[in-house]
Amino acid sequence: MGQTLARRTLASSVIGGCLWLAASLLATAASAQTGGEGLSPTLSAIKKAHVVRLGYRESSPPFSFVDQSDRPIGYSLELCEAIVEEIGVEVDDPNLKIDYVKVTSDDRIDAVLQNKIDLECGSTTANAERGKRVAFSPLMFVAGTKLMVPKASSVQSLTDLKGKTIVVTKGTTNEQAIQAADRKSSLGLNIVTSPDHEQSYQMLVDGKADAFATDDILLSGLIARHKAQDKFRVTGDYLSYDPYGIMFRKGEPQLSAVVERAFRKLGSNRDLVPLYNKWFTARLPTGERLNVPISLQLEEAFKAMDDSASANN
């Protein structure tokens, strides 16, 4: 009888100990989750620092540029700010701060890879080659390489530039597109590079290049920003297809899901088209107007982000 009671007491102690251990483990796990463990590396770092670092461009209107007070503004930055809100939900911190970090076309990918920024909010083409190194948001714009030339120039297409000088911005898909077209058509182009779009534009202004090649919307943005409609024009066939996205670190499914969720919320609230119109058809905060209506392809992509529409079908 005494042995039986002892065994029962031991069994109760073991069970009680196991229950206590299980409860302790659950409490520890909950505490760890609150402290950032269980989150992807980027989200965990954001939760710990209470800051999201957004990479911006100085001269990529209307996507990412600075106003008269040198404050970063633009379509891409507004999209990134919506993602920041969703990150706040994910890490349970509604008061995340934003740190704006300047990047260029040449160093933007490295800025993501080297953990200098969390989201790159510019005018970056999401292609398969880059997709091997970084991740991208859903489609936010579609552009393509064209040419900016002086209004008085006779140039109508790239072939008219045979043997002449063309400037491209270093580290862009446009640089690759022009090099490929040059090889294919044996044009003998003198292809020169500059660090950013503003410098490329200035080379054309200074007569150091016969044309400036980059995405058509960026060319239109620069012409509008400089009120140079009477000096320059955009011409030529599309020399590349460039779908834009917000760039972030690859290999973090949780972060990718947060970015996707932010876009779907904007889509379901019917905010994507008004946001587009704010930056592409209405007057910009800096005074100019681009008057670029939304393309059918982009409009369809935005509709695909509308979960409420699919739910009602």
C-alpha atoms as a PDB file:
ATOM      1  CA  MET A   1       0.000   0.000   0.000  1.00  0.00           C
ATOM      2  CA  GLY A   2       2.828   2.388   0.943  1.00  0.00           C
ATOM      3  CA  GLN A   3       4.690   1.533  -2.276  1.00  0.00           C
ATOM      4  CA  THR A   4       1.531   2.082  -4.369  1.00  0.00           C
ATOM      5  CA  LEU A   5       0.984   5.478  -2.761  1.00  0.00           C
ATOM      6  CA  ALA A   6       4.605   6.362  -3.347  1.00  0.00           C
ATOM      7  CA  ARG A   7       4.348   5.403  -7.008  1.00  0.00           C
ATOM      8  CA  ARG A   8       1.165   7.503  -7.372  1.00  0.00           C
ATOM      9  CA  THR A   9       2.837  10.431  -5.692  1.00  0.00           C
ATOM     10  CA  LEU A  10       5.878  10.090  -7.991  1.00  0.00           C
ATOM     11  CA  ALA A  11       3.643   9.836 -11.068  1.00  0.00           C
ATOM     12  CA  SER A  12       1.718  12.927  -9.992  1.00  0.00           C
ATOM     13  CA  SER A  13       4.961  14.775  -9.461  1.00  0.00           C
ATOM     14  CA  VAL A  14       6.236  13.770 -12.904  1.00  0.00           C
ATOM     15  CA  ILE A  15       2.969  14.791 -14.609  1.00  0.00           C
ATOM     16  CA  GLY A  16       2.879  18.015 -12.658  1.00  0.00           C
ATOM     17  CA  GLY A  17       6.485  18.687 -13.583  1.00  0.00           C
ATOM     18  CA  CYS A  18       5.767  18.037 -17.252  1.00  0.00           C
ATOM     19  CA  LEU A  19       2.755  20.342 -17.192  1.00  0.00           C
ATOM     20  CA  TRP A  20       4.828  23.053 -15.498  1.00  0.00           C
ATOM     21  CA  LEU A  21       7.617  22.584 -18.062  1.00  0.00           C
ATOM     22  CA  ALA A  22       5.148  22.753 -20.943  1.00  0.00           C
ATOM     23  CA  ALA A  23       3.609  25.918 -19.512  1.00  0.00           C
ATOM     24  CA  SER A  24       7.065  27.405 -19.037  1.00  0.00           C
ATOM     25  CA  LEU A  25       8.042  26.594 -22.610  1.00  0.00           C
ATOM     26  CA  LEU A  26       4.859  28.199 -23.957  1.00  0.00           C
ATOM     27  CA  ALA A  27       5.468  31.288 -21.851  1.00  0.00           C
ATOM     28  CA  THR A  28       9.095  31.437 -23.035  1.00  0.00           C
ATOM     29  CA  ALA A  29       8.003  31.052 -26.659  1.00  0.00           C
ATOM     30  CA  ALA A  30       5.426  33.801 -26.275  1.00  0.00           C
ATOM     31  CA  SER A  31       8.016  36.031 -24.640  1.00  0.00           C
ATOM     32  CA  ALA A  32      10.521  35.267 -27.399  1.00  0.00           C
ATOM     33  CA  GLN A  33       7.941  36.082 -30.090  1.00  0.00           C
ATOM     34  CA  THR A  34       7.248  39.396 -28.382  1.00  0.00           C
ATOM     35  CA  GLY A  35      10.965  40.100 -28.299  1.00  0.00           C
ATOM     36  CA  GLY A  36      11.339  39.556 -32.044  1.00  0.00           C
ATOM     37  CA  GLU A  37      12.311  35.882 -32.163  1.00  0.00           C
ATOM     38  CA  GLY A  38      10.226  33.935 -34.628  1.00  0.00           C
ATOM     39  CA  LEU A  39      10.214  36.913 -37.001  1.00  0.00           C
ATOM     40  CA  SER A  40      12.250  36.959 -40.192  1.00  0.00           C
ATOM     41  CA  PRO A  41      15.677  38.670 -39.869  1.00  0.00           C
ATOM     42  CA  THR A  42      14.537  41.984 -41.369  1.00  0.00           C
ATOM     43  CA  LEU A  43      11.323  42.147 -39.356  1.00  0.00           C
ATOM     44  CA  SER A  44      13.150  41.137 -36.179  1.00  0.00           C
ATOM     45  CA  ALA A  45      15.726  43.923 -36.677  1.00  0.00           C
ATOM     46  CA  ILE A  46      12.946  46.438 -37.367  1.00  0.00           C
ATOM     47  CA  LYS A  47      11.098  45.416 -34.199  1.00  0.00           C
ATOM     48  CA  LYS A  48      14.266  45.774 -32.148  1.00  0.00           C
ATOM     49  CA  ALA A  49      15.221  49.179 -33.600  1.00  0.00           C
ATOM     50  CA  HIS A  50      11.645  50.513 -33.982  1.00  0.00           C
ATOM     51  CA  VAL A  51      12.853  51.911 -37.342  1.00  0.00           C
ATOM     52  CA  VAL A  52      12.318  51.029 -41.007  1.00  0.00           C
ATOM     53  CA  ARG A  53      15.007  52.269 -43.411  1.00  0.00           C
ATOM     54  CA  LEU A  54      13.658  53.352 -46.792  1.00  0.00           C
ATOM     55  CA  GLY A  55      16.037  53.825 -49.714  1.00  0.00           C
ATOM     56  CA  TYR A  56      15.077  56.782 -51.902  1.00  0.00           C
ATOM     57  CA  ARG A  57      16.349  58.399 -55.103  1.00  0.00           C
ATOM     58  CA  GLU A  58      17.037  62.116 -55.496  1.00  0.00           C
ATOM     59  CA  SER A  59      16.082  62.442 -59.167  1.00  0.00           C
ATOM     60  CA  SER A  60      13.542  59.833 -60.263  1.00  0.00           C
ATOM     61  CA  PRO A  61      10.313  61.853 -60.405  1.00  0.00           C
ATOM     62  CA  PRO A  62       7.525  61.054 -59.813  1.00  0.00           C
ATOM     63  CA  PHE A  63       8.614  57.794 -58.143  1.00  0.00           C
ATOM     64  CA  SER A  64      11.254  59.024 -55.732  1.00  0.00           C
ATOM     65  CA  PHE A  65      12.742  62.508 -55.558  1.00  0.00           C
ATOM     66  CA  VAL A  66      13.133  65.474 -53.233  1.00  0.00           C
ATOM     67  CA  ASP A  67      10.960  68.566 -52.910  1.00  0.00           C
ATOM     68  CA  GLN A  68      12.105  72.150 -52.444  1.00  0.00           C
ATOM     69  CA  SER A  69      12.907  71.372 -48.791  1.00  0.00           C
ATOM     70  CA  ASP A  70      15.014  68.311 -49.748  1.00  0.00           C
ATOM     71  CA  ARG A  71      12.307  66.058 -48.291  1.00  0.00           C
ATOM     72  CA  PRO A  72      12.007  62.656 -50.018  1.00  0.00           C
ATOM     73  CA  ILE A  73       8.622  62.327 -51.744  1.00  0.00           C
ATOM     74  CA  GLY A  74       7.050  60.300 -54.528  1.00  0.00           C
ATOM     75  CA  TYR A  75       4.776  57.490 -55.651  1.00  0.00           C
ATOM     76  CA  SER A  76       7.184  54.714 -54.623  1.00  0.00           C
ATOM     77  CA  LEU A  77       7.737  56.269 -51.201  1.00  0.00           C
ATOM     78  CA  GLU A  78       3.987  56.382 -50.547  1.00  0.00           C
ATOM     79  CA  LEU A  79       3.773  52.696 -51.425  1.00  0.00           C
ATOM     80  CA  CYS A  80       6.672  51.996 -49.075  1.00  0.00           C
ATOM     81  CA  GLU A  81       4.983  53.971 -46.296  1.00  0.00           C
ATOM     82  CA  ALA A  82       1.918  51.727 -46.709  1.00  0.00           C
ATOM     83  CA  ILE A  83       4.220  48.708 -46.365  1.00  0.00           C
ATOM     84  CA  VAL A  84       5.701  50.241 -43.202  1.00  0.00           C
ATOM     85  CA  GLU A  85       2.180  50.382 -41.724  1.00  0.00           C
ATOM     86  CA  GLU A  86       1.718  46.693 -42.483  1.00  0.00           C
ATOM     87  CA  ILE A  87       5.116  45.894 -40.977  1.00  0.00           C
ATOM     88  CA  GLY A  88       3.927  47.681 -37.842  1.00  0.00           C
ATOM     89  CA  VAL A  89       0.961  45.318 -37.692  1.00  0.00           C
ATOM     90  CA  GLU A  90       3.212  42.284 -38.194  1.00  0.00           C
ATOM     91  CA  VAL A  91       5.704  43.222 -35.452  1.00  0.00           C
ATOM     92  CA  ASP A  92       3.041  44.707 -33.164  1.00  0.00           C
ATOM     93  CA  ASP A  93       4.528  48.205 -33.205  1.00  0.00           C
ATOM     94  CA  PRO A  94       2.189  50.854 -34.690  1.00  0.00           C
ATOM     95  CA  ASN A  95       4.678  53.656 -34.034  1.00  0.00           C
ATOM     96  CA  LEU A  96       7.579  52.593 -36.236  1.00  0.00           C
ATOM     97  CA  LYS A  97       9.825  55.451 -37.327  1.00  0.00           C
ATOM     98  CA  ILE A  98      11.137  55.876 -40.869  1.00  0.00           C
ATOM     99  CA  ASP A  99      14.772  56.573 -41.710  1.00  0.00           C
ATOM    100  CA  TYR A 100      15.239  57.819 -45.290  1.00  0.00           C
ATOM    101  CA  VAL A 101      18.520  56.667 -46.857  1.00  0.00           C
ATOM    102  CA  LYS A 102      19.716  58.062 -50.193  1.00  0.00           C
ATOM    103  CA  VAL A 103      20.675  55.457 -52.822  1.00  0.00           C
ATOM    104  CA  THR A 104      21.706  55.626 -56.479  1.00  0.00           C
ATOM    105  CA  SER A 105      21.001  53.395 -59.454  1.00  0.00           C
ATOM    106  CA  ASP A 106      24.476  51.904 -59.030  1.00  0.00           C
ATOM    107  CA  ASP A 107      24.424  51.131 -55.293  1.00  0.00           C
ATOM    108  CA  ARG A 108      20.729  50.416 -54.601  1.00  0.00           C
ATOM    109  CA  ILE A 109      20.957  46.615 -54.929  1.00  0.00           C
ATOM    110  CA  ASP A 110      24.062  46.492 -52.733  1.00  0.00           C
ATOM    111  CA  ALA A 111      22.263  48.677 -50.193  1.00  0.00           C
ATOM    112  CA  VAL A 112      19.623  45.953 -49.875  1.00  0.00           C
ATOM    113  CA  LEU A 113      22.114  43.071 -49.885  1.00  0.00           C
ATOM    114  CA  GLN A 114      24.394  44.747 -47.333  1.00  0.00           C
ATOM    115  CA  ASN A 115      21.507  45.516 -44.978  1.00  0.00           C
ATOM    116  CA  LYS A 116      21.831  49.289 -45.330  1.00  0.00           C
ATOM    117  CA  ILE A 117      18.125  49.654 -46.164  1.00  0.00           C
ATOM    118  CA  ASP A 118      15.018  47.530 -45.600  1.00  0.00           C
ATOM    119  CA  LEU A 119      12.957  48.640 -48.611  1.00  0.00           C
ATOM    120  CA  GLU A 120      14.178  50.313 -51.800  1.00  0.00           C
ATOM    121  CA  CYS A 121      11.579  52.828 -52.935  1.00  0.00           C
ATOM    122  CA  GLY A 122      12.663  54.076 -56.336  1.00  0.00           C
ATOM    123  CA  SER A 123      12.203  53.207 -60.005  1.00  0.00           C
ATOM    124  CA  THR A 124      13.726  49.746 -60.059  1.00  0.00           C
ATOM    125  CA  THR A 125      13.032  47.156 -62.733  1.00  0.00           C
ATOM    126  CA  ALA A 126      12.048  43.745 -61.365  1.00  0.00           C
ATOM    127  CA  ASN A 127      13.612  41.281 -63.786  1.00  0.00           C
ATOM    128  CA  ALA A 128      14.710  37.638 -63.561  1.00  0.00           C
ATOM    129  CA  GLU A 129      18.409  38.485 -63.289  1.00  0.00           C
ATOM    130  CA  ARG A 130      17.890  40.755 -60.290  1.00  0.00           C
ATOM    131  CA  GLY A 131      15.371  38.294 -58.853  1.00  0.00           C
ATOM    132  CA  LYS A 132      18.252  35.889 -58.223  1.00  0.00           C
ATOM    133  CA  ARG A 133      19.665  38.330 -55.663  1.00  0.00           C
ATOM    134  CA  VAL A 134      16.731  40.335 -54.280  1.00  0.00           C
ATOM    135  CA  ALA A 135      12.949  40.149 -53.930  1.00  0.00           C
ATOM    136  CA  PHE A 136      10.296  42.465 -55.371  1.00  0.00           C
ATOM    137  CA  SER A 137       6.802  43.638 -54.527  1.00  0.00           C
ATOM    138  CA  PRO A 138       3.868  43.148 -56.886  1.00  0.00           C
ATOM    139  CA  LEU A 139       3.939  45.278 -60.046  1.00  0.00           C
ATOM    140  CA  MET A 140       3.668  49.015 -59.401  1.00  0.00           C
ATOM    141  CA  PHE A 141       4.481  50.444 -62.859  1.00  0.00           C
ATOM    142  CA  VAL A 142       5.476  49.412 -66.385  1.00  0.00           C
ATOM    143  CA  ALA A 143       8.046  51.403 -68.353  1.00  0.00           C
ATOM    144  CA  GLY A 144      10.520  50.939 -71.180  1.00  0.00           C
ATOM    145  CA  THR A 145      13.749  52.442 -72.504  1.00  0.00           C
ATOM    146  CA  LYS A 146      13.366  55.405 -74.860  1.00  0.00           C
ATOM    147  CA  LEU A 147      15.500  58.381 -75.878  1.00  0.00           C
ATOM    148  CA  MET A 148      15.561  62.021 -74.833  1.00  0.00           C
ATOM    149  CA  VAL A 149      16.964  64.335 -77.517  1.00  0.00           C
ATOM    150  CA  PRO A 150      17.012  68.073 -78.147  1.00  0.00           C
ATOM    151  CA  LYS A 151      13.833  69.312 -79.826  1.00  0.00           C
ATOM    152  CA  ALA A 152      15.828  70.490 -82.830  1.00  0.00           C
ATOM    153  CA  SER A 153      17.516  67.100 -83.276  1.00  0.00           C
ATOM    154  CA  SER A 154      16.652  64.976 -86.307  1.00  0.00           C
ATOM    155  CA  VAL A 155      16.926  61.776 -84.246  1.00  0.00           C
ATOM    156  CA  GLN A 156      13.761  59.679 -84.319  1.00  0.00           C
ATOM    157  CA  SER A 157      15.157  56.279 -83.325  1.00  0.00           C
ATOM    158  CA  LEU A 158      18.308  54.643 -82.003  1.00  0.00           C
ATOM    159  CA  THR A 159      19.602  53.889 -85.515  1.00  0.00           C
ATOM    160  CA  ASP A 160      19.751  57.656 -86.171  1.00  0.00           C
ATOM    161  CA  LEU A 161      22.432  57.856 -83.467  1.00  0.00           C
ATOM    162  CA  LYS A 162      24.925  55.674 -85.355  1.00  0.00           C
ATOM    163  CA  GLY A 163      28.456  56.688 -84.346  1.00  0.00           C
ATOM    164  CA  LYS A 164      27.161  59.306 -81.895  1.00  0.00           C
ATOM    165  CA  THR A 165      27.312  59.683 -78.116  1.00  0.00           C
ATOM    166  CA  ILE A 166      24.532  58.436 -75.890  1.00  0.00           C
ATOM    167  CA  VAL A 167      24.483  58.770 -72.102  1.00  0.00           C
ATOM    168  CA  VAL A 168      22.939  56.192 -69.766  1.00  0.00           C
ATOM    169  CA  THR A 169      22.767  56.047 -65.994  1.00  0.00           C
ATOM    170  CA  LYS A 170      25.167  53.520 -64.511  1.00  0.00           C
ATOM    171  CA  GLY A 171      23.709  50.315 -63.069  1.00  0.00           C
ATOM    172  CA  THR A 172      20.380  50.529 -64.937  1.00  0.00           C
ATOM    173  CA  THR A 173      18.662  48.039 -67.236  1.00  0.00           C
ATOM    174  CA  ASN A 174      18.703  50.856 -69.814  1.00  0.00           C
ATOM    175  CA  GLU A 175      22.489  50.633 -69.967  1.00  0.00           C
ATOM    176  CA  GLN A 176      22.187  46.924 -70.772  1.00  0.00           C
ATOM    177  CA  ALA A 177      19.445  47.567 -73.352  1.00  0.00           C
ATOM    178  CA  ILE A 178      21.514  50.161 -75.227  1.00  0.00           C
ATOM    179  CA  GLN A 179      24.627  47.962 -75.200  1.00  0.00           C
ATOM    180  CA  ALA A 180      22.607  45.038 -76.573  1.00  0.00           C
ATOM    181  CA  ALA A 181      21.017  47.161 -79.302  1.00  0.00           C
ATOM    182  CA  ASP A 182      24.414  48.599 -80.228  1.00  0.00           C
ATOM    183  CA  ARG A 183      25.880  45.106 -80.666  1.00  0.00           C
ATOM    184  CA  LYS A 184      22.867  43.809 -82.565  1.00  0.00           C
ATOM    185  CA  SER A 185      22.749  46.655 -85.091  1.00  0.00           C
ATOM    186  CA  SER A 186      26.493  47.493 -85.171  1.00  0.00           C
ATOM    187  CA  LEU A 187      25.791  51.159 -84.515  1.00  0.00           C
ATOM    188  CA  GLY A 188      29.214  52.055 -83.140  1.00  0.00           C
ATOM    189  CA  LEU A 189      27.660  54.110 -80.367  1.00  0.00           C
ATOM    190  CA  ASN A 190      29.825  55.968 -77.888  1.00  0.00           C
ATOM    191  CA  ILE A 191      28.034  54.894 -74.705  1.00  0.00           C
ATOM    192  CA  VAL A 192      28.958  56.960 -71.654  1.00  0.00           C
ATOM    193  CA  THR A 193      27.621  56.600 -68.110  1.00  0.00           C
ATOM    194  CA  SER A 194      26.842  58.960 -65.261  1.00  0.00           C
ATOM    195  CA  PRO A 195      26.052  58.271 -61.592  1.00  0.00           C
ATOM    196  CA  ASP A 196      22.368  59.293 -61.605  1.00  0.00           C
ATOM    197  CA  HIS A 197      19.572  60.496 -63.870  1.00  0.00           C
ATOM    198  CA  GLU A 198      20.099  64.151 -63.023  1.00  0.00           C
ATOM    199  CA  GLN A 199      23.740  63.977 -64.118  1.00  0.00           C
ATOM    200  CA  SER A 200      22.743  62.147 -67.300  1.00  0.00           C
ATOM    201  CA  TYR A 201      20.205  64.860 -68.056  1.00  0.00           C
ATOM    202  CA  GLN A 202      22.823  67.537 -67.426  1.00  0.00           C
ATOM    203  CA  MET A 203      25.200  65.902 -69.917  1.00  0.00           C
ATOM    204  CA  LEU A 204      22.513  66.276 -72.572  1.00  0.00           C
ATOM    205  CA  VAL A 205      21.891  69.882 -71.531  1.00  0.00           C
ATOM    206  CA  ASP A 206      25.630  70.625 -71.762  1.00  0.00           C
ATOM    207  CA  GLY A 207      25.883  69.084 -75.243  1.00  0.00           C
ATOM    208  CA  LYS A 208      28.196  66.289 -74.056  1.00  0.00           C
ATOM    209  CA  ALA A 209      25.785  63.669 -75.411  1.00  0.00           C
ATOM    210  CA  ASP A 210      23.464  63.497 -78.406  1.00  0.00           C
ATOM    211  CA  ALA A 211      20.811  61.532 -76.493  1.00  0.00           C
ATOM    212  CA  PHE A 212      19.959  60.279 -73.009  1.00  0.00           C
ATOM    213  CA  ALA A 213      18.444  56.801 -72.752  1.00  0.00           C
ATOM    214  CA  THR A 214      16.365  55.675 -69.782  1.00  0.00           C
ATOM    215  CA  ASP A 215      12.774  54.698 -68.986  1.00  0.00           C
ATOM    216  CA  ASP A 216      10.248  56.830 -70.839  1.00  0.00           C
ATOM    217  CA  ILE A 217       8.406  57.902 -67.692  1.00  0.00           C
ATOM    218  CA  LEU A 218      11.627  59.081 -66.054  1.00  0.00           C
ATOM    219  CA  LEU A 219      12.518  61.106 -69.149  1.00  0.00           C
ATOM    220  CA  SER A 220       9.075  62.739 -69.077  1.00  0.00           C
ATOM    221  CA  GLY A 221       9.470  63.381 -65.359  1.00  0.00           C
ATOM    222  CA  LEU A 222      12.821  65.105 -65.809  1.00  0.00           C
ATOM    223  CA  ILE A 223      11.529  67.257 -68.682  1.00  0.00           C
ATOM    224  CA  ALA A 224       8.537  68.314 -66.573  1.00  0.00           C
ATOM    225  CA  ARG A 225      10.650  68.917 -63.470  1.00  0.00           C
ATOM    226  CA  HIS A 226      13.035  71.192 -65.391  1.00  0.00           C
ATOM    227  CA  LYS A 227      10.180  72.790 -67.379  1.00  0.00           C
ATOM    228  CA  ALA A 228      12.139  71.868 -70.502  1.00  0.00           C
ATOM    229  CA  GLN A 229       9.239  70.926 -72.801  1.00  0.00           C
ATOM    230  CA  ASP A 230      10.473  73.489 -75.329  1.00  0.00           C
ATOM    231  CA  LYS A 231      14.033  72.122 -75.243  1.00  0.00           C
ATOM    232  CA  PHE A 232      13.783  68.317 -75.245  1.00  0.00           C
ATOM    233  CA  ARG A 233      11.492  65.530 -76.420  1.00  0.00           C
ATOM    234  CA  VAL A 234      11.135  61.776 -75.893  1.00  0.00           C
ATOM    235  CA  THR A 235      11.394  59.619 -79.003  1.00  0.00           C
ATOM    236  CA  GLY A 236      12.055  56.155 -80.408  1.00  0.00           C
ATOM    237  CA  ASP A 237      10.555  52.700 -80.066  1.00  0.00           C
ATOM    238  CA  TYR A 238      10.697  50.861 -76.759  1.00  0.00           C
ATOM    239  CA  LEU A 239      14.109  49.250 -76.402  1.00  0.00           C
ATOM    240  CA  SER A 240      13.251  47.281 -73.257  1.00  0.00           C
ATOM    241  CA  TYR A 241      10.352  46.177 -71.059  1.00  0.00           C
ATOM    242  CA  ASP A 242      10.752  47.343 -67.471  1.00  0.00           C
ATOM    243  CA  PRO A 243       8.219  46.318 -64.807  1.00  0.00           C
ATOM    244  CA  TYR A 244       8.872  48.237 -61.570  1.00  0.00           C
ATOM    245  CA  GLY A 245       8.675  46.940 -58.010  1.00  0.00           C
ATOM    246  CA  ILE A 246       9.678  47.787 -54.448  1.00  0.00           C
ATOM    247  CA  MET A 247      12.914  45.913 -53.708  1.00  0.00           C
ATOM    248  CA  PHE A 248      13.767  44.093 -50.462  1.00  0.00           C
ATOM    249  CA  ARG A 249      15.855  41.189 -49.185  1.00  0.00           C
ATOM    250  CA  LYS A 250      15.374  37.781 -50.720  1.00  0.00           C
ATOM    251  CA  GLY A 251      14.712  34.586 -48.734  1.00  0.00           C
ATOM    252  CA  GLU A 252      12.298  36.068 -46.185  1.00  0.00           C
ATOM    253  CA  PRO A 253       8.816  34.662 -46.925  1.00  0.00           C
ATOM    254  CA  GLN A 254       7.333  36.477 -43.927  1.00  0.00           C
ATOM    255  CA  LEU A 255       8.537  39.871 -45.184  1.00  0.00           C
ATOM    256  CA  SER A 256       7.371  39.021 -48.692  1.00  0.00           C
ATOM    257  CA  ALA A 257       3.908  38.176 -47.319  1.00  0.00           C
ATOM    258  CA  VAL A 258       3.766  41.516 -45.485  1.00  0.00           C
ATOM    259  CA  VAL A 259       4.635  43.418 -48.684  1.00  0.00           C
ATOM    260  CA  GLU A 260       2.020  41.457 -50.644  1.00  0.00           C
ATOM    261  CA  ARG A 261      -0.581  42.100 -47.929  1.00  0.00           C
ATOM    262  CA  ALA A 262       0.089  45.850 -48.039  1.00  0.00           C
ATOM    263  CA  PHE A 263      -0.525  45.914 -51.804  1.00  0.00           C
ATOM    264  CA  ARG A 264      -3.688  43.826 -51.442  1.00  0.00           C
ATOM    265  CA  LYS A 265      -5.040  46.176 -48.784  1.00  0.00           C
ATOM    266  CA  LEU A 266      -4.427  49.151 -51.076  1.00  0.00           C
ATOM    267  CA  GLY A 267      -6.034  47.228 -53.940  1.00  0.00           C
ATOM    268  CA  SER A 268      -9.064  46.149 -51.923  1.00  0.00           C
ATOM    269  CA  ASN A 269      -9.580  49.697 -50.622  1.00  0.00           C
ATOM    270  CA  ARG A 270      -9.418  51.015 -54.220  1.00  0.00           C
ATOM    271  CA  ASP A 271      -6.429  53.173 -53.252  1.00  0.00           C
ATOM    272  CA  LEU A 272      -3.944  52.119 -55.947  1.00  0.00           C
ATOM    273  CA  VAL A 273      -5.467  53.983 -58.915  1.00  0.00           C
ATOM    274  CA  PRO A 274      -6.049  57.238 -56.952  1.00  0.00           C
ATOM    275  CA  LEU A 275      -2.482  56.994 -55.672  1.00  0.00           C
ATOM    276  CA  TYR A 276      -1.246  56.559 -59.246  1.00  0.00           C
ATOM    277  CA  ASN A 277      -3.299  59.543 -60.420  1.00  0.00           C
ATOM    278  CA  LYS A 278      -1.944  61.694 -57.587  1.00  0.00           C
ATOM    279  CA  TRP A 279       1.600  61.319 -58.926  1.00  0.00           C
ATOM    280  CA  PHE A 280       1.116  60.809 -62.673  1.00  0.00           C
ATOM    281  CA  THR A 281      -1.874  62.905 -63.751  1.00  0.00           C
ATOM    282  CA  ALA A 282      -2.407  65.542 -61.040  1.00  0.00           C
ATOM    283  CA  ARG A 283      -0.054  68.428 -60.339  1.00  0.00           C
ATOM    284  CA  LEU A 284       2.970  67.326 -58.315  1.00  0.00           C
ATOM    285  CA  PRO A 285       3.931  69.004 -55.013  1.00  0.00           C
ATOM    286  CA  THR A 286       6.845  70.566 -56.890  1.00  0.00           C
ATOM    287  CA  GLY A 287       4.420  72.224 -59.333  1.00  0.00           C
ATOM    288  CA  GLU A 288       4.768  70.243 -62.565  1.00  0.00           C
ATOM    289  CA  ARG A 289       2.239  67.882 -64.141  1.00  0.00           C
ATOM    290  CA  LEU A 290       3.128  64.709 -66.100  1.00  0.00           C
ATOM    291  CA  ASN A 291      -0.309  63.865 -67.534  1.00  0.00           C
ATOM    292  CA  VAL A 292       0.518  60.153 -67.952  1.00  0.00           C
ATOM    293  CA  PRO A 293      -2.719  58.136 -67.690  1.00  0.00           C
ATOM    294  CA  ILE A 294      -2.549  54.646 -66.244  1.00  0.00           C
ATOM    295  CA  SER A 295      -1.811  51.900 -68.776  1.00  0.00           C
ATOM    296  CA  LEU A 296      -4.259  49.064 -69.343  1.00  0.00           C
ATOM    297  CA  GLN A 297      -1.649  46.551 -68.196  1.00  0.00           C
ATOM    298  CA  LEU A 298      -1.061  48.325 -64.892  1.00  0.00           C
ATOM    299  CA  GLU A 299      -4.770  48.848 -64.325  1.00  0.00           C
ATOM    300  CA  GLU A 300      -5.333  45.101 -64.750  1.00  0.00           C
ATOM    301  CA  ALA A 301      -2.471  44.363 -62.344  1.00  0.00           C
ATOM    302  CA  PHE A 302      -4.084  46.646 -59.753  1.00  0.00           C
ATOM    303  CA  LYS A 303      -7.442  44.920 -60.212  1.00  0.00           C
ATOM    304  CA  ALA A 304      -5.741  41.608 -59.480  1.00  0.00           C
ATOM    305  CA  MET A 305      -4.712  43.065 -56.105  1.00  0.00           C
ATOM    306  CA  ASP A 306      -8.358  43.674 -55.179  1.00  0.00           C
ATOM    307  CA  ASP A 307      -9.380  40.772 -52.949  1.00  0.00           C
ATOM    308  CA  SER A 308     -12.839  42.216 -52.425  1.00  0.00           C
ATOM    309  CA  ALA A 309     -13.552  42.001 -56.162  1.00  0.00           C
ATOM    310  CA  SER A 310     -12.508  38.358 -56.386  1.00  0.00           C
ATOM    311  CA  ALA A 311     -14.539  37.595 -53.269  1.00  0.00           C
ATOM    312  CA  ASN A 312     -17.669  39.037 -54.891  1.00  0.00           C
ATOM    313  CA  ASN A 313     -17.258  37.074 -58.129  1.00  0.00           C
END
